[in-house]
Protein backbone atom coordinates (compact mmCIF):
# COMPACT_ATOMS: atom_id res chain seq x y z
CA MET A 1 30.40 18.95 -5.08
CA ALA A 2 30.17 20.42 -8.67
CA ASN A 3 26.70 20.01 -10.28
CA THR A 4 28.09 17.81 -12.97
CA ASN A 5 29.16 15.27 -10.32
CA ILE A 6 25.67 15.49 -8.80
CA GLN A 7 24.21 14.76 -12.13
CA SER A 8 26.36 11.59 -12.24
CA LEU A 9 25.43 10.06 -8.94
CA ARG A 10 23.91 6.28 -9.25
CA ILE A 11 22.82 4.15 -6.49
CA ASP A 12 24.67 0.97 -5.82
CA GLY A 13 22.34 -1.52 -7.35
CA GLU A 14 24.25 -4.63 -6.19
CA ARG A 15 23.74 -3.30 -2.44
CA LEU A 16 20.05 -2.66 -2.94
CA TRP A 17 19.68 -6.12 -4.30
CA ALA A 18 21.74 -7.79 -1.61
CA ARG A 19 19.62 -6.16 1.10
CA LEU A 20 16.32 -6.83 -0.47
CA MET A 21 17.35 -10.57 -0.74
CA GLU A 22 18.46 -10.36 3.09
CA MET A 23 15.09 -8.95 4.30
CA ALA A 24 13.29 -11.43 2.14
CA ARG A 25 14.78 -14.37 4.18
CA ILE A 26 12.51 -12.86 7.37
CA GLY A 27 9.41 -14.80 6.81
CA ALA A 28 10.44 -16.60 3.62
CA THR A 29 8.11 -18.83 2.20
CA ALA A 30 8.35 -22.25 0.58
CA GLN A 31 7.30 -20.82 -2.99
CA GLY A 32 10.00 -18.00 -2.71
CA GLY A 33 7.60 -15.21 -1.26
CA CYS A 34 7.35 -13.81 1.94
CA ASN A 35 4.78 -13.78 4.95
CA ARG A 36 5.91 -11.10 7.37
CA GLN A 37 2.51 -9.68 8.59
CA ALA A 38 2.20 -6.40 10.41
CA LEU A 39 3.22 -6.41 14.16
CA THR A 40 4.19 -10.14 14.24
CA ASP A 41 7.56 -11.21 15.46
CA LEU A 42 8.96 -11.62 11.73
CA ASP A 43 7.86 -7.93 11.31
CA ARG A 44 9.75 -6.83 14.30
CA ALA A 45 12.95 -8.88 13.01
CA GLY A 46 12.59 -6.84 9.63
CA ARG A 47 12.21 -3.64 11.44
CA ASP A 48 15.16 -4.46 13.65
CA LEU A 49 17.22 -5.48 10.49
CA PHE A 50 16.26 -2.05 9.23
CA VAL A 51 16.84 0.01 12.07
CA GLY A 52 20.39 -1.47 12.32
CA TRP A 53 21.09 -0.65 8.74
CA CYS A 54 20.13 3.04 9.31
CA ARG A 55 22.34 3.48 12.28
CA GLU A 56 25.10 2.13 10.07
CA ALA A 57 24.53 4.67 7.82
CA ARG A 58 24.52 7.22 10.65
CA CYS A 59 20.87 8.22 10.39
CA THR A 60 18.73 9.24 13.73
CA VAL A 61 16.18 7.05 14.22
CA SER A 62 12.92 7.67 15.84
CA VAL A 63 9.44 5.93 16.26
CA ASP A 64 6.30 7.24 16.79
CA ARG A 65 3.09 6.18 18.96
CA MET A 66 1.90 4.03 15.68
CA GLY A 67 5.15 2.39 15.19
CA ASN A 68 6.01 4.34 12.11
CA ILE A 69 9.74 4.48 11.99
CA PHE A 70 11.56 7.63 10.59
CA ALA A 71 15.34 7.62 9.80
CA ARG A 72 16.67 11.03 9.28
CA ARG A 73 19.75 12.28 7.62
CA ALA A 74 20.58 15.74 8.84
CA GLY A 75 20.82 18.50 6.26
CA LEU A 76 22.90 21.54 5.75
CA ASP A 77 20.06 23.55 7.29
CA ASP A 78 18.54 21.02 9.55
CA SER A 79 15.58 23.57 10.37
CA LEU A 80 14.08 22.97 7.07
CA PRO A 81 11.33 20.43 6.52
CA PRO A 82 12.75 16.99 5.41
CA VAL A 83 12.15 15.64 2.05
CA LEU A 84 10.77 12.02 2.89
CA THR A 85 10.67 8.77 1.10
CA GLY A 86 9.55 5.38 2.15
CA SER A 87 7.02 2.68 2.17
CA HIS A 88 6.30 -0.34 4.33
CA LEU A 89 8.02 -3.77 5.48
CA ASP A 90 4.67 -5.81 6.10
CA THR A 91 3.55 -8.15 3.46
CA GLN A 92 0.40 -10.35 2.73
CA PRO A 93 0.39 -13.77 4.19
CA THR A 94 1.49 -15.01 0.56
CA GLY A 95 3.34 -11.89 -0.45
CA GLY A 96 6.26 -11.34 -2.47
CA ARG A 97 9.72 -9.99 -1.86
CA PHE A 98 9.41 -6.10 -3.17
CA ASP A 99 5.99 -4.83 -2.52
CA GLY A 100 6.67 -2.08 0.11
CA VAL A 101 10.13 -3.27 0.87
CA TYR A 102 11.70 -2.09 -2.22
CA GLY A 103 10.66 1.55 -1.27
CA VAL A 104 11.95 1.53 1.95
CA LEU A 105 15.34 0.01 1.01
CA ALA A 106 15.70 2.47 -2.04
CA GLY A 107 15.23 5.22 0.56
CA LEU A 108 17.87 3.90 2.59
CA GLU A 109 20.17 3.44 -0.68
CA VAL A 110 19.48 7.20 -1.55
CA ILE A 111 21.21 7.99 1.89
CA GLN A 112 24.21 5.56 1.75
CA THR A 113 24.72 6.64 -1.95
CA LEU A 114 25.03 10.55 -0.63
CA ASN A 115 27.14 9.21 2.35
CA ASP A 116 29.54 7.48 -0.20
CA ALA A 117 29.67 10.59 -2.30
CA GLY A 118 30.41 12.91 0.76
CA LEU A 119 27.45 14.96 -0.18
CA ARG A 120 25.05 16.94 1.98
CA THR A 121 21.69 18.21 0.82
CA ARG A 122 20.47 21.54 2.06
CA ALA A 123 17.30 20.03 3.78
CA PRO A 124 17.12 16.83 5.74
CA LEU A 125 16.25 13.40 4.31
CA GLU A 126 13.95 10.81 5.88
CA VAL A 127 13.21 7.47 5.23
CA ALA A 128 9.77 6.05 6.68
CA VAL A 129 8.44 2.54 7.48
CA TRP A 130 4.59 2.68 7.81
CA THR A 131 2.88 0.47 10.10
CA ASN A 132 0.39 -2.03 8.76
CA GLU A 133 0.22 -0.71 4.87
CA GLU A 134 -1.15 -4.14 3.65
CA GLY A 135 -4.02 -4.25 5.97
CA ALA A 136 -3.94 -8.16 5.74
CA ARG A 137 -3.84 -8.61 9.49
CA PHE A 138 -5.49 -5.30 10.65
CA SER A 139 -8.24 -3.38 8.59
CA PRO A 140 -8.16 -1.22 6.96
CA ALA A 141 -4.91 -0.75 5.05
CA MET A 142 -2.61 2.11 5.36
CA ILE A 143 -3.53 2.60 9.17
CA GLY A 144 0.24 4.03 10.07
CA SER A 145 0.21 6.65 7.63
CA GLY A 146 -3.53 7.11 8.00
CA VAL A 147 -3.06 8.13 11.38
CA TRP A 148 -0.08 10.18 10.96
CA ALA A 149 -1.87 12.06 8.27
CA GLY A 150 -4.91 12.63 10.46
CA ALA A 151 -7.22 10.53 8.71
CA PHE A 152 -7.77 8.39 11.62
CA ASP A 153 -7.18 9.10 15.44
CA LEU A 154 -4.67 7.34 17.67
CA ALA A 155 -7.52 5.49 19.47
CA TYR A 156 -8.80 4.07 16.39
CA GLY A 157 -5.55 3.07 15.17
CA HIS A 158 -4.39 1.29 18.44
CA GLY A 159 -7.75 -0.18 18.89
CA ARG A 160 -8.05 -2.15 15.30
CA THR A 161 -8.01 -5.87 16.27
CA ASP A 162 -6.95 -9.07 14.15
CA ARG A 163 -9.08 -12.14 13.79
CA GLN A 164 -7.50 -13.63 17.24
CA GLY A 165 -8.86 -10.04 18.83
CA LEU A 166 -5.10 -8.98 19.44
CA SER A 167 -4.99 -4.97 18.88
CA ILE A 168 -2.57 -2.73 17.00
CA GLY A 169 -1.66 -0.88 20.34
CA ASN A 170 -0.93 -4.14 22.32
CA GLU A 171 1.13 -5.65 19.52
CA LEU A 172 2.97 -2.44 19.05
CA GLU A 173 3.92 -2.89 22.69
CA ARG A 174 4.63 -6.47 22.71
CA ILE A 175 7.19 -6.22 19.68
CA GLY A 176 8.73 -3.07 21.02
CA TYR A 177 7.75 -0.71 18.62
CA LEU A 178 5.17 1.51 20.45
CA GLY A 179 7.37 4.74 20.11
CA ASP A 180 7.18 7.77 22.30
CA GLN A 181 6.93 10.21 19.22
CA PRO A 182 3.52 11.88 18.10
CA ALA A 183 2.03 9.96 15.47
CA SER A 184 0.80 13.19 13.80
CA VAL A 185 1.60 15.51 10.92
CA ARG A 186 4.75 17.66 10.72
CA PRO A 187 5.58 19.62 7.83
CA LEU A 188 7.46 17.89 4.87
CA ALA A 189 9.29 19.67 1.85
CA ALA A 190 8.18 16.76 -0.48
CA ALA A 191 7.42 13.03 -0.14
CA PHE A 192 8.18 10.19 -2.82
CA GLU A 193 7.32 6.51 -2.86
CA VAL A 194 9.10 4.43 -5.44
CA HIS A 195 7.28 1.02 -5.81
CA ILE A 196 6.96 -2.06 -8.12
CA GLU A 197 3.72 -1.31 -10.49
CA GLN A 198 1.56 -4.49 -9.21
CA GLY A 199 0.24 -4.51 -12.79
CA PRO A 200 1.07 -5.54 -16.27
CA ILE A 201 1.37 -1.88 -18.04
CA LEU A 202 5.03 -1.17 -17.93
CA GLU A 203 6.20 -4.58 -18.66
CA ALA A 204 3.59 -4.51 -21.99
CA GLU A 205 4.83 -1.36 -23.12
CA GLY A 206 8.41 -2.15 -22.84
CA LEU A 207 9.06 0.79 -20.37
CA THR A 208 11.45 1.10 -17.36
CA VAL A 209 9.76 3.79 -15.17
CA GLY A 210 6.10 5.09 -14.58
CA VAL A 211 5.64 8.71 -13.51
CA VAL A 212 2.41 8.35 -11.37
CA THR A 213 0.41 11.18 -11.33
CA GLY A 214 -2.36 9.80 -9.30
CA VAL A 215 -3.87 6.91 -7.27
CA GLN A 216 -7.73 5.28 -7.98
CA GLY A 217 -10.03 5.87 -5.64
CA ILE A 218 -11.08 2.80 -3.50
CA ARG A 219 -14.16 1.80 -1.67
CA TRP A 220 -14.11 -1.36 0.81
CA TYR A 221 -17.48 -2.77 2.03
CA ASP A 222 -18.69 -5.59 4.21
CA LEU A 223 -21.78 -6.82 2.42
CA THR A 224 -24.06 -8.91 4.97
CA LEU A 225 -27.00 -10.96 3.47
CA THR A 226 -29.32 -12.70 6.01
CA GLY A 227 -31.75 -15.40 5.46
CA GLN A 228 -32.99 -18.21 7.44
CA PRO A 229 -31.22 -21.22 8.58
CA VAL A 230 -32.95 -24.26 7.56
CA HIS A 231 -31.93 -28.18 7.04
CA ALA A 232 -30.28 -28.85 3.59
CA GLY A 233 -32.13 -32.11 3.00
CA PRO A 234 -35.86 -31.56 4.04
CA THR A 235 -36.29 -27.87 2.54
CA PRO A 236 -37.54 -27.36 -0.89
CA MET A 237 -35.24 -24.88 -3.05
CA THR A 238 -38.45 -22.81 -3.81
CA VAL A 239 -39.02 -21.86 -0.19
CA ARG A 240 -35.55 -20.98 0.83
CA ARG A 241 -34.32 -17.55 2.24
CA ASP A 242 -30.85 -18.51 1.07
CA PRO A 243 -28.21 -15.94 1.31
CA PHE A 244 -26.20 -17.75 -1.27
CA MET A 245 -29.06 -17.52 -3.87
CA GLY A 246 -28.75 -13.31 -3.45
CA LEU A 247 -25.10 -13.52 -4.02
CA ALA A 248 -25.80 -15.55 -7.40
CA GLY A 249 -27.73 -12.63 -8.46
CA ILE A 250 -25.57 -9.95 -7.21
CA LEU A 251 -22.01 -11.07 -8.35
CA PRO A 252 -22.69 -11.26 -12.19
CA ARG A 253 -24.39 -7.83 -11.99
CA LEU A 254 -21.32 -6.24 -10.40
CA TYR A 255 -19.04 -7.87 -12.78
CA ARG A 256 -21.26 -6.33 -15.59
CA LEU A 257 -21.07 -3.26 -13.98
CA ALA A 258 -17.04 -2.93 -13.87
CA GLU A 259 -17.26 -3.90 -17.53
CA GLU A 260 -19.52 -1.22 -18.55
CA HIS A 261 -17.00 1.26 -16.83
CA GLY A 262 -14.03 -0.28 -18.23
CA PRO A 263 -11.18 -0.44 -18.76
CA TRP A 264 -10.45 1.41 -15.36
CA ALA A 265 -13.06 0.26 -13.03
CA ARG A 266 -12.40 -2.96 -10.70
CA VAL A 267 -14.19 -4.96 -8.61
CA THR A 268 -13.14 -7.67 -6.16
CA PHE A 269 -14.61 -10.12 -3.72
CA GLY A 270 -11.78 -11.20 -1.43
CA ASP A 271 -13.29 -12.82 1.48
CA ILE A 272 -16.26 -14.66 2.33
CA ARG A 273 -17.96 -15.77 5.66
CA ALA A 274 -20.84 -18.23 5.98
CA GLU A 275 -22.59 -18.49 9.35
CA PRO A 276 -23.31 -20.75 11.10
CA GLY A 277 -20.91 -22.28 9.02
CA SER A 278 -22.33 -25.94 8.85
CA ARG A 279 -22.29 -28.30 5.66
CA ASN A 280 -25.75 -29.48 5.99
CA THR A 281 -27.56 -26.34 6.85
CA VAL A 282 -28.61 -23.30 4.62
CA PRO A 283 -26.43 -20.41 6.07
CA GLU A 284 -28.47 -17.83 8.09
CA ARG A 285 -25.71 -14.94 7.02
CA LEU A 286 -23.03 -14.45 4.31
CA VAL A 287 -20.30 -11.66 5.04
CA LEU A 288 -18.52 -10.72 1.59
CA ALA A 289 -15.71 -8.30 1.50
CA VAL A 290 -16.27 -5.97 -1.88
CA ASP A 291 -13.92 -3.71 -3.11
CA LEU A 292 -14.53 -1.17 -5.95
CA ARG A 293 -12.18 1.09 -7.50
CA HIS A 294 -11.78 3.60 -10.45
CA PRO A 295 -9.50 6.64 -10.72
CA GLU A 296 -12.10 9.29 -11.31
CA GLN A 297 -14.00 10.06 -7.99
CA ALA A 298 -17.31 10.98 -9.87
CA VAL A 299 -17.21 7.31 -11.64
CA LEU A 300 -16.33 5.59 -8.28
CA ASP A 301 -19.24 7.50 -6.64
CA ARG A 302 -21.92 6.24 -9.36
CA LEU A 303 -20.28 2.58 -8.88
CA ASP A 304 -21.28 2.79 -5.20
CA ALA A 305 -24.76 3.91 -5.97
CA ALA A 306 -25.15 1.35 -8.43
CA PHE A 307 -23.90 -1.34 -6.09
CA ARG A 308 -26.18 -0.47 -3.41
CA ALA A 309 -29.26 -0.50 -5.68
CA ILE A 310 -28.01 -3.99 -7.12
CA VAL A 311 -27.86 -5.66 -3.69
CA ALA A 312 -31.22 -3.90 -2.82
CA GLU A 313 -33.04 -5.34 -5.58
CA GLU A 314 -31.79 -8.87 -5.09
CA ALA A 315 -32.36 -9.07 -1.52
CA GLU A 316 -36.18 -7.83 -1.84
CA ARG A 317 -36.43 -10.39 -4.63
CA LEU A 318 -35.39 -13.36 -2.34
CA ARG A 319 -36.80 -12.00 0.81
CA LEU A 320 -33.08 -11.32 2.26
CA ALA A 321 -32.29 -8.59 4.64
CA ALA A 322 -29.01 -6.64 3.46
CA ASP A 323 -26.57 -4.42 5.01
CA ILE A 324 -23.91 -2.68 3.70
CA ARG A 325 -21.14 -1.33 5.84
CA GLU A 326 -18.42 0.62 4.30
CA GLU A 327 -14.91 -0.25 5.93
CA TRP A 328 -12.98 2.05 4.10
CA HIS A 329 -12.96 5.04 1.44
CA SER A 330 -9.90 6.27 -0.14
CA PRO A 331 -10.76 8.99 -2.42
CA ALA A 332 -9.23 9.25 -5.94
CA VAL A 333 -6.00 11.24 -5.69
CA ALA A 334 -3.88 13.72 -7.73
CA PHE A 335 -0.42 13.88 -6.93
CA ASP A 336 1.36 17.28 -6.41
CA ALA A 337 2.45 19.00 -9.85
CA ASP A 338 5.99 19.88 -8.71
CA CYS A 339 6.64 16.44 -7.19
CA VAL A 340 5.75 14.89 -10.35
CA ALA A 341 7.74 17.42 -12.39
CA ALA A 342 10.72 16.42 -9.99
CA VAL A 343 10.17 12.87 -11.11
CA GLN A 344 9.71 13.47 -14.50
CA GLY A 345 12.82 15.72 -14.69
CA ALA A 346 15.03 13.04 -13.06
CA VAL A 347 13.68 10.46 -15.45
CA GLU A 348 14.51 12.56 -18.36
CA GLN A 349 18.03 13.28 -17.06
CA LEU A 350 18.63 9.79 -16.53
CA GLY A 351 17.55 8.64 -19.96
CA TYR A 352 14.98 6.23 -19.11
CA SER A 353 11.97 4.99 -21.21
CA HIS A 354 8.85 6.00 -19.17
CA MET A 355 5.19 6.85 -19.41
CA PRO A 356 2.73 8.86 -17.18
CA MET A 357 0.51 6.47 -15.28
CA CYS A 358 -2.46 6.16 -12.34
CA SER A 359 -1.84 3.82 -9.45
CA GLY A 360 -4.51 1.06 -9.44
CA ALA A 361 -3.47 0.04 -5.87
CA GLY A 362 -3.39 2.32 -2.61
CA HIS A 363 -0.37 3.25 -1.01
CA ASP A 364 0.91 5.21 1.98
CA SER A 365 1.13 7.95 -0.53
CA VAL A 366 -2.28 8.30 -0.53
CA TYR A 367 -2.59 9.62 2.71
CA LEU A 368 0.64 11.65 2.62
CA SER A 369 -0.60 13.67 -0.04
CA ARG A 370 -3.47 15.19 1.98
CA VAL A 371 -1.10 16.99 4.05
CA ALA A 372 2.45 17.17 1.89
CA PRO A 373 3.40 17.53 -1.53
CA THR A 374 3.82 13.88 -2.81
CA SER A 375 4.27 11.74 -5.89
CA MET A 376 5.53 7.98 -6.69
CA ILE A 377 7.64 6.52 -9.07
CA PHE A 378 6.76 2.86 -10.68
CA VAL A 379 9.08 0.18 -12.14
CA PRO A 380 7.77 -3.13 -13.82
CA CYS A 381 7.06 -6.37 -12.08
CA LYS A 382 7.42 -9.79 -13.78
CA GLY A 383 3.79 -10.40 -15.58
CA GLY A 384 2.26 -7.68 -13.17
CA ILE A 385 2.01 -10.10 -10.50
CA SER A 386 2.05 -8.70 -6.90
CA HIS A 387 0.31 -9.79 -3.53
CA ASN A 388 1.79 -13.33 -4.70
CA GLU A 389 4.62 -15.37 -3.69
CA ALA A 390 5.71 -15.35 -7.52
CA GLU A 391 6.06 -11.56 -7.14
CA ASP A 392 9.48 -10.65 -8.98
CA ALA A 393 11.26 -7.59 -10.51
CA ALA A 394 14.36 -7.33 -12.66
CA PRO A 395 17.48 -5.76 -10.57
CA ALA A 396 18.21 -3.48 -13.26
CA ASP A 397 14.56 -2.04 -13.02
CA LEU A 398 14.85 -1.70 -9.52
CA GLU A 399 18.14 0.03 -9.75
CA ALA A 400 16.64 2.50 -12.37
CA GLY A 401 13.85 3.29 -10.20
CA ALA A 402 16.20 3.96 -7.00
CA ASN A 403 18.08 6.50 -9.24
CA VAL A 404 15.03 8.29 -10.46
CA LEU A 405 14.17 8.43 -6.62
CA LEU A 406 17.68 9.90 -5.80
CA HIS A 407 17.57 12.56 -8.35
CA ALA A 408 13.84 13.47 -7.77
CA MET A 409 14.73 13.81 -4.18
CA LEU A 410 17.81 15.96 -4.73
CA ARG A 411 15.86 18.21 -6.87
CA MET A 412 13.45 18.65 -3.88
CA ALA A 413 16.21 19.00 -1.19
CA HIS A 414 17.96 21.92 -3.07
CA SER A 415 21.51 20.10 -3.02
């Protein structure tokens, strides 16, 4: 195919949208979102639908020991490392229709566009579905790509359990996605992930594409404050060792800490558990999930140190025991210069308005970037809302992002 014809290639936006809407019906919620949590029966149904579409597109499908799915389109030289794209199909309990799934189906759309055009790339292309990216059912997030990239071993990945004590390994086997391929690194020429921004910047700037240069560093903790369980009525406030009193001092100081390191610092408290959990008893123990983020690793490290100091000071003041367990640490990421340049070149070729940006959320590309040249592409989402049933994106923006993905992959696959 002539180079001019390659440059004129565009994906089928209507087909992409139709498949997004068909996938969204699996786990659809009353408020227009999706609840398709990792390794549930609904996740199996979404995986089965995707695999069926891949086979219709004449892809070879394989599944590894972490349930990661790889749909491969052969290259003219199939011995070359593939150019990979993809994301995830699992959602938050009250998730949206586009987070993750857009990146998967945009990758499939790239393959179908090339099929329609009769164009073969020199290197093979692959579309991946990574297991349990969200971390909603099993902690930590991005576990499938993390095992594949060597951040966790397979036993750790299989052994993670949900709140009912069900493990990833057993649930993979139950839903039929405990594959036989090794869940381990193999050579990749490049890896791309297209995603809704999950924030308000592109929409506020009136731009179509974010050329993502890196990802914020993230630290997840479980903070446990332990006091003394006593009766809510007879026990004076002045003598209590109440974990909630500790929290009352810690939270405003952490919010101020984030403000002092603005505008990029983030602190979030996403889950809390009181034990023993009785209405008329001062709790013995509070367990709080804490999320700290910043795009500069040195600043994130300072936030970590300040967080620990704040907790120690407040716990000592109120005679509480404090324990901070780091659940997960994803260091700040700078993406591969050549992959970022491929995205930038594709955006300029296609004429879309754009800006460079850093991702505020973690993605499977974080782990891929440790072992392969990687970058990401963002498109706007309505109101910057994600992890929410109201999550929405314009079909034209989704089409634009998939076109950028197509041409970035073509550049790296040496078509």
